[in-house]
């Protein structure tokens, strides 16, 4: 997953610390979405919705 955040070193470092290295299919789709403010997300439990949404949001706030 780190390669998805190579432009955001702080996020990449945090992912390494949490030992998160491979995104789920759902997370890949979510991270490629461009308009999160109008996104309705439904998926089974355990597929990474929360982490995917948080990471997408963090990219918007990262200044690096």
PDB file of N, CA and C in Angstrom:
ATOM      1  N   UNK A   1       0.824  -1.183   0.000  1.00  0.00           N
ATOM      2  CA  UNK A   1       0.000   0.000   0.000  1.00  0.00           C
ATOM      3  C   UNK A   1       0.865   1.242   0.000  1.00  0.00           C
ATOM      4  N   UNK A   2       2.072   1.093   0.461  1.00  0.00           N
ATOM      5  CA  UNK A   2       2.978   2.230   0.571  1.00  0.00           C
ATOM      6  C   UNK A   2       3.161   2.968  -0.748  1.00  0.00           C
ATOM      7  N   UNK A   3       3.231   2.232  -1.852  1.00  0.00           N
ATOM      8  CA  UNK A   3       3.434   2.876  -3.153  1.00  0.00           C
ATOM      9  C   UNK A   3       2.282   3.810  -3.520  1.00  0.00           C
ATOM     10  N   UNK A   4       1.089   3.561  -2.968  1.00  0.00           N
ATOM     11  CA  UNK A   4      -0.048   4.447  -3.221  1.00  0.00           C
ATOM     12  C   UNK A   4       0.124   5.793  -2.543  1.00  0.00           C
ATOM     13  N   UNK A   5       1.021   5.843  -1.544  1.00  0.00           N
ATOM     14  CA  UNK A   5       1.216   7.062  -0.775  1.00  0.00           C
ATOM     15  C   UNK A   5       2.654   7.552  -0.837  1.00  0.00           C
ATOM     16  N   UNK A   6       3.345   7.253  -1.924  1.00  0.00           N
ATOM     17  CA  UNK A   6       4.742   7.678  -2.036  1.00  0.00           C
ATOM     18  C   UNK A   6       4.882   9.192  -2.046  1.00  0.00           C
ATOM     19  N   UNK A   7       3.825   9.899  -2.454  1.00  0.00           N
ATOM     20  CA  UNK A   7       3.848  11.368  -2.422  1.00  0.00           C
ATOM     21  C   UNK A   7       3.494  11.921  -1.043  1.00  0.00           C
ATOM     22  N   UNK A   8       3.143  11.036  -0.118  1.00  0.00           N
ATOM     23  CA  UNK A   8       2.736  11.426   1.230  1.00  0.00           C
ATOM     24  C   UNK A   8       3.571  10.637   2.242  1.00  0.00           C
ATOM     25  N   UNK A   9       4.810  11.032   2.478  1.00  0.00           N
ATOM     26  CA  UNK A   9       5.710  10.236   3.309  1.00  0.00           C
ATOM     27  C   UNK A   9       5.231  10.016   4.740  1.00  0.00           C
ATOM     28  N   UNK A  10       4.507  10.955   5.311  1.00  0.00           N
ATOM     29  CA  UNK A  10       4.022  10.781   6.682  1.00  0.00           C
ATOM     30  C   UNK A  10       2.997   9.645   6.736  1.00  0.00           C
ATOM     31  N   UNK A  11       2.110   9.600   5.752  1.00  0.00           N
ATOM     32  CA  UNK A  11       1.110   8.533   5.697  1.00  0.00           C
ATOM     33  C   UNK A  11       1.796   7.197   5.445  1.00  0.00           C
ATOM     34  N   UNK A  12       2.745   7.152   4.515  1.00  0.00           N
ATOM     35  CA  UNK A  12       3.470   5.918   4.219  1.00  0.00           C
ATOM     36  C   UNK A  12       4.192   5.405   5.455  1.00  0.00           C
ATOM     37  N   UNK A  13       4.789   6.303   6.226  1.00  0.00           N
ATOM     38  CA  UNK A  13       5.493   5.903   7.445  1.00  0.00           C
ATOM     39  C   UNK A  13       4.510   5.313   8.456  1.00  0.00           C
ATOM     40  N   UNK A  14       3.353   5.920   8.597  1.00  0.00           N
ATOM     41  CA  UNK A  14       2.344   5.398   9.518  1.00  0.00           C
ATOM     42  C   UNK A  14       1.860   4.022   9.114  1.00  0.00           C
ATOM     43  N   UNK A  15       1.681   3.804   7.814  1.00  0.00           N
ATOM     44  CA  UNK A  15       1.269   2.490   7.331  1.00  0.00           C
ATOM     45  C   UNK A  15       2.320   1.437   7.638  1.00  0.00           C
ATOM     46  N   UNK A  16       3.595   1.805   7.487  1.00  0.00           N
ATOM     47  CA  UNK A  16       4.674   0.869   7.819  1.00  0.00           C
ATOM     48  C   UNK A  16       4.625   0.508   9.298  1.00  0.00           C
ATOM     49  N   UNK A  17       4.434   1.500  10.149  1.00  0.00           N
ATOM     50  CA  UNK A  17       4.387   1.250  11.598  1.00  0.00           C
ATOM     51  C   UNK A  17       3.232   0.328  11.978  1.00  0.00           C
ATOM     52  N   UNK A  18       2.129   0.435  11.254  1.00  0.00           N
ATOM     53  CA  UNK A  18       0.967  -0.412  11.526  1.00  0.00           C
ATOM     54  C   UNK A  18       1.038  -1.749  10.801  1.00  0.00           C
ATOM     55  N   UNK A  19       2.122  -1.955  10.062  1.00  0.00           N
ATOM     56  CA  UNK A  19       2.318  -3.187   9.303  1.00  0.00           C
ATOM     57  C   UNK A  19       1.196  -3.402   8.279  1.00  0.00           C
ATOM     58  N   UNK A  20       0.760  -2.310   7.658  1.00  0.00           N
ATOM     59  CA  UNK A  20      -0.246  -2.368   6.594  1.00  0.00           C
ATOM     60  C   UNK A  20       0.497  -2.220   5.275  1.00  0.00           C
ATOM     61  N   UNK A  21       0.481  -3.277   4.487  1.00  0.00           N
ATOM     62  CA  UNK A  21       1.267  -3.243   3.261  1.00  0.00           C
ATOM     63  C   UNK A  21       0.461  -3.519   1.997  1.00  0.00           C
ATOM     64  N   UNK A  22      -0.671  -4.188   2.108  1.00  0.00           N
ATOM     65  CA  UNK A  22      -1.442  -4.549   0.929  1.00  0.00           C
ATOM     66  C   UNK A  22      -2.885  -4.084   1.089  1.00  0.00           C
ATOM     67  N   UNK A  23      -3.365  -3.226   0.195  1.00  0.00           N
ATOM     68  CA  UNK A  23      -4.757  -2.781   0.303  1.00  0.00           C
ATOM     69  C   UNK A  23      -5.719  -3.883  -0.147  1.00  0.00           C
ATOM     70  N   UNK A  24      -6.917  -3.857   0.413  1.00  0.00           N
ATOM     71  CA  UNK A  24      -7.953  -4.771  -0.063  1.00  0.00           C
ATOM     72  C   UNK A  24      -8.455  -4.253  -1.409  1.00  0.00           C
ATOM     73  N   UNK A  25      -9.186  -5.078  -2.135  1.00  0.00           N
ATOM     74  CA  UNK A  25      -9.755  -4.639  -3.418  1.00  0.00           C
ATOM     75  C   UNK A  25     -10.650  -3.425  -3.213  1.00  0.00           C
ATOM     76  N   UNK A  26     -11.415  -3.447  -2.146  1.00  0.00           N
ATOM     77  CA  UNK A  26     -12.298  -2.324  -1.839  1.00  0.00           C
ATOM     78  C   UNK A  26     -11.499  -1.043  -1.626  1.00  0.00           C
ATOM     79  N   UNK A  27     -10.415  -1.131  -0.868  1.00  0.00           N
ATOM     80  CA  UNK A  27      -9.589   0.042  -0.604  1.00  0.00           C
ATOM     81  C   UNK A  27      -8.975   0.592  -1.879  1.00  0.00           C
ATOM     82  N   UNK A  28      -8.539  -0.272  -2.772  1.00  0.00           N
ATOM     83  CA  UNK A  28      -7.996   0.193  -4.057  1.00  0.00           C
ATOM     84  C   UNK A  28      -9.036   0.983  -4.834  1.00  0.00           C
ATOM     85  N   UNK A  29     -10.257   0.487  -4.864  1.00  0.00           N
ATOM     86  CA  UNK A  29     -11.322   1.192  -5.573  1.00  0.00           C
ATOM     87  C   UNK A  29     -11.619   2.524  -4.910  1.00  0.00           C
ATOM     88  N   UNK A  30     -11.648   2.526  -3.598  1.00  0.00           N
ATOM     89  CA  UNK A  30     -11.949   3.747  -2.864  1.00  0.00           C
ATOM     90  C   UNK A  30     -10.855   4.790  -3.036  1.00  0.00           C
ATOM     91  N   UNK A  31      -9.602   4.361  -3.003  1.00  0.00           N
ATOM     92  CA  UNK A  31      -8.487   5.292  -3.148  1.00  0.00           C
ATOM     93  C   UNK A  31      -8.403   5.883  -4.553  1.00  0.00           C
ATOM     94  N   UNK A  32      -9.012   5.227  -5.524  1.00  0.00           N
ATOM     95  CA  UNK A  32      -8.993   5.767  -6.886  1.00  0.00           C
ATOM     96  C   UNK A  32     -10.206   6.669  -7.158  1.00  0.00           C
ATOM     97  N   UNK A  33     -11.161   6.718  -6.231  1.00  0.00           N
ATOM     98  CA  UNK A  33     -12.326   7.594  -6.389  1.00  0.00           C
ATOM     99  C   UNK A  33     -11.888   9.048  -6.264  1.00  0.00           C
ATOM    100  N   UNK A  34     -12.497   9.911  -7.050  1.00  0.00           N
ATOM    101  CA  UNK A  34     -12.094  11.319  -7.035  1.00  0.00           C
ATOM    102  C   UNK A  34     -13.039  12.210  -6.242  1.00  0.00           C
ATOM    103  N   UNK A  35     -14.292  11.825  -6.089  1.00  0.00           N
ATOM    104  CA  UNK A  35     -15.261  12.675  -5.403  1.00  0.00           C
ATOM    105  C   UNK A  35     -15.829  11.956  -4.184  1.00  0.00           C
ATOM    106  N   UNK A  36     -15.079  11.948  -3.097  1.00  0.00           N
ATOM    107  CA  UNK A  36     -15.515  11.244  -1.897  1.00  0.00           C
ATOM    108  C   UNK A  36     -16.715  11.896  -1.220  1.00  0.00           C
ATOM    109  N   UNK A  37     -16.901  13.186  -1.412  1.00  0.00           N
ATOM    110  CA  UNK A  37     -17.993  13.861  -0.712  1.00  0.00           C
ATOM    111  C   UNK A  37     -19.372  13.393  -1.182  1.00  0.00           C
ATOM    112  N   UNK A  38     -19.453  12.766  -2.338  1.00  0.00           N
ATOM    113  CA  UNK A  38     -20.727  12.271  -2.823  1.00  0.00           C
ATOM    114  C   UNK A  38     -20.701  10.763  -3.019  1.00  0.00           C
ATOM    115  N   UNK A  39     -19.912  10.099  -2.239  1.00  0.00           N
ATOM    116  CA  UNK A  39     -19.733   8.661  -2.358  1.00  0.00           C
ATOM    117  C   UNK A  39     -20.582   7.943  -1.317  1.00  0.00           C
ATOM    118  N   UNK A  40     -21.342   6.958  -1.741  1.00  0.00           N
ATOM    119  CA  UNK A  40     -22.092   6.100  -0.819  1.00  0.00           C
ATOM    120  C   UNK A  40     -21.377   4.761  -0.812  1.00  0.00           C
ATOM    121  N   UNK A  41     -20.936   4.346   0.369  1.00  0.00           N
ATOM    122  CA  UNK A  41     -20.113   3.155   0.485  1.00  0.00           C
ATOM    123  C   UNK A  41     -20.879   2.044   1.197  1.00  0.00           C
ATOM    124  N   UNK A  42     -21.005   0.919   0.530  1.00  0.00           N
ATOM    125  CA  UNK A  42     -21.569  -0.273   1.166  1.00  0.00           C
ATOM    126  C   UNK A  42     -20.670  -1.444   0.811  1.00  0.00           C
ATOM    127  N   UNK A  43     -20.326  -2.210   1.814  1.00  0.00           N
ATOM    128  CA  UNK A  43     -19.475  -3.379   1.618  1.00  0.00           C
ATOM    129  C   UNK A  43     -19.564  -4.236   2.873  1.00  0.00           C
ATOM    130  N   UNK A  44     -19.219  -5.506   2.761  1.00  0.00           N
ATOM    131  CA  UNK A  44     -19.279  -6.386   3.925  1.00  0.00           C
ATOM    132  C   UNK A  44     -18.304  -5.958   5.029  1.00  0.00           C
ATOM    133  N   UNK A  45     -18.597  -6.372   6.229  1.00  0.00           N
ATOM    134  CA  UNK A  45     -17.711  -6.094   7.360  1.00  0.00           C
ATOM    135  C   UNK A  45     -16.349  -6.735   7.122  1.00  0.00           C
ATOM    136  N   UNK A  46     -15.306  -6.025   7.519  1.00  0.00           N
ATOM    137  CA  UNK A  46     -13.956  -6.572   7.420  1.00  0.00           C
ATOM    138  C   UNK A  46     -13.248  -6.336   6.109  1.00  0.00           C
ATOM    139  N   UNK A  47     -13.844  -5.555   5.212  1.00  0.00           N
ATOM    140  CA  UNK A  47     -13.201  -5.347   3.905  1.00  0.00           C
ATOM    141  C   UNK A  47     -12.342  -4.089   3.863  1.00  0.00           C
ATOM    142  N   UNK A  48     -12.320  -3.319   4.944  1.00  0.00           N
ATOM    143  CA  UNK A  48     -11.426  -2.167   5.001  1.00  0.00           C
ATOM    144  C   UNK A  48     -12.067  -0.827   4.712  1.00  0.00           C
ATOM    145  N   UNK A  49     -13.377  -0.718   4.902  1.00  0.00           N
ATOM    146  CA  UNK A  49     -14.060   0.553   4.620  1.00  0.00           C
ATOM    147  C   UNK A  49     -13.486   1.698   5.451  1.00  0.00           C
ATOM    148  N   UNK A  50     -13.364   1.493   6.743  1.00  0.00           N
ATOM    149  CA  UNK A  50     -12.923   2.571   7.626  1.00  0.00           C
ATOM    150  C   UNK A  50     -11.516   3.030   7.279  1.00  0.00           C
ATOM    151  N   UNK A  51     -10.594   2.097   7.124  1.00  0.00           N
ATOM    152  CA  UNK A  51      -9.210   2.452   6.787  1.00  0.00           C
ATOM    153  C   UNK A  51      -9.160   3.124   5.419  1.00  0.00           C
ATOM    154  N   UNK A  52      -9.892   2.602   4.460  1.00  0.00           N
ATOM    155  CA  UNK A  52      -9.901   3.203   3.127  1.00  0.00           C
ATOM    156  C   UNK A  52     -10.418   4.626   3.131  1.00  0.00           C
ATOM    157  N   UNK A  53     -11.504   4.873   3.855  1.00  0.00           N
ATOM    158  CA  UNK A  53     -12.054   6.227   3.923  1.00  0.00           C
ATOM    159  C   UNK A  53     -11.114   7.168   4.652  1.00  0.00           C
ATOM    160  N   UNK A  54     -10.515   6.693   5.741  1.00  0.00           N
ATOM    161  CA  UNK A  54      -9.568   7.534   6.482  1.00  0.00           C
ATOM    162  C   UNK A  54      -8.351   7.879   5.639  1.00  0.00           C
ATOM    163  N   UNK A  55      -7.808   6.901   4.937  1.00  0.00           N
ATOM    164  CA  UNK A  55      -6.636   7.165   4.105  1.00  0.00           C
ATOM    165  C   UNK A  55      -6.966   8.132   2.971  1.00  0.00           C
ATOM    166  N   UNK A  56      -8.138   7.979   2.386  1.00  0.00           N
ATOM    167  CA  UNK A  56      -8.549   8.900   1.317  1.00  0.00           C
ATOM    168  C   UNK A  56      -8.665  10.313   1.868  1.00  0.00           C
ATOM    169  N   UNK A  57      -9.236  10.446   3.045  1.00  0.00           N
ATOM    170  CA  UNK A  57      -9.364  11.749   3.669  1.00  0.00           C
ATOM    171  C   UNK A  57      -8.021  12.361   4.051  1.00  0.00           C
ATOM    172  N   UNK A  58      -7.121  11.533   4.552  1.00  0.00           N
ATOM    173  CA  UNK A  58      -5.799  12.035   4.952  1.00  0.00           C
ATOM    174  C   UNK A  58      -5.020  12.583   3.769  1.00  0.00           C
ATOM    175  N   UNK A  59      -5.189  11.976   2.616  1.00  0.00           N
ATOM    176  CA  UNK A  59      -4.506  12.494   1.430  1.00  0.00           C
ATOM    177  C   UNK A  59      -4.921  13.920   1.143  1.00  0.00           C
ATOM    178  N   UNK A  60      -6.171  14.230   1.413  1.00  0.00           N
ATOM    179  CA  UNK A  60      -6.665  15.581   1.173  1.00  0.00           C
ATOM    180  C   UNK A  60      -6.110  16.605   2.152  1.00  0.00           C
ATOM    181  N   UNK A  61      -5.729  16.157   3.345  1.00  0.00           N
ATOM    182  CA  UNK A  61      -5.215  17.064   4.364  1.00  0.00           C
ATOM    183  C   UNK A  61      -3.699  17.132   4.419  1.00  0.00           C
ATOM    184  N   UNK A  62      -3.031  16.189   3.777  1.00  0.00           N
ATOM    185  CA  UNK A  62      -1.572  16.127   3.846  1.00  0.00           C
ATOM    186  C   UNK A  62      -0.968  17.306   3.085  1.00  0.00           C
ATOM    187  N   UNK A  63       0.002  17.940   3.705  1.00  0.00           N
ATOM    188  CA  UNK A  63       0.650  19.089   3.069  1.00  0.00           C
ATOM    189  C   UNK A  63       1.966  18.713   2.408  1.00  0.00           C
ATOM    190  N   UNK A  64       2.339  17.445   2.451  1.00  0.00           N
ATOM    191  CA  UNK A  64       3.620  17.032   1.887  1.00  0.00           C
ATOM    192  C   UNK A  64       3.446  16.518   0.486  1.00  0.00           C
TER     193      UNK A  64
END
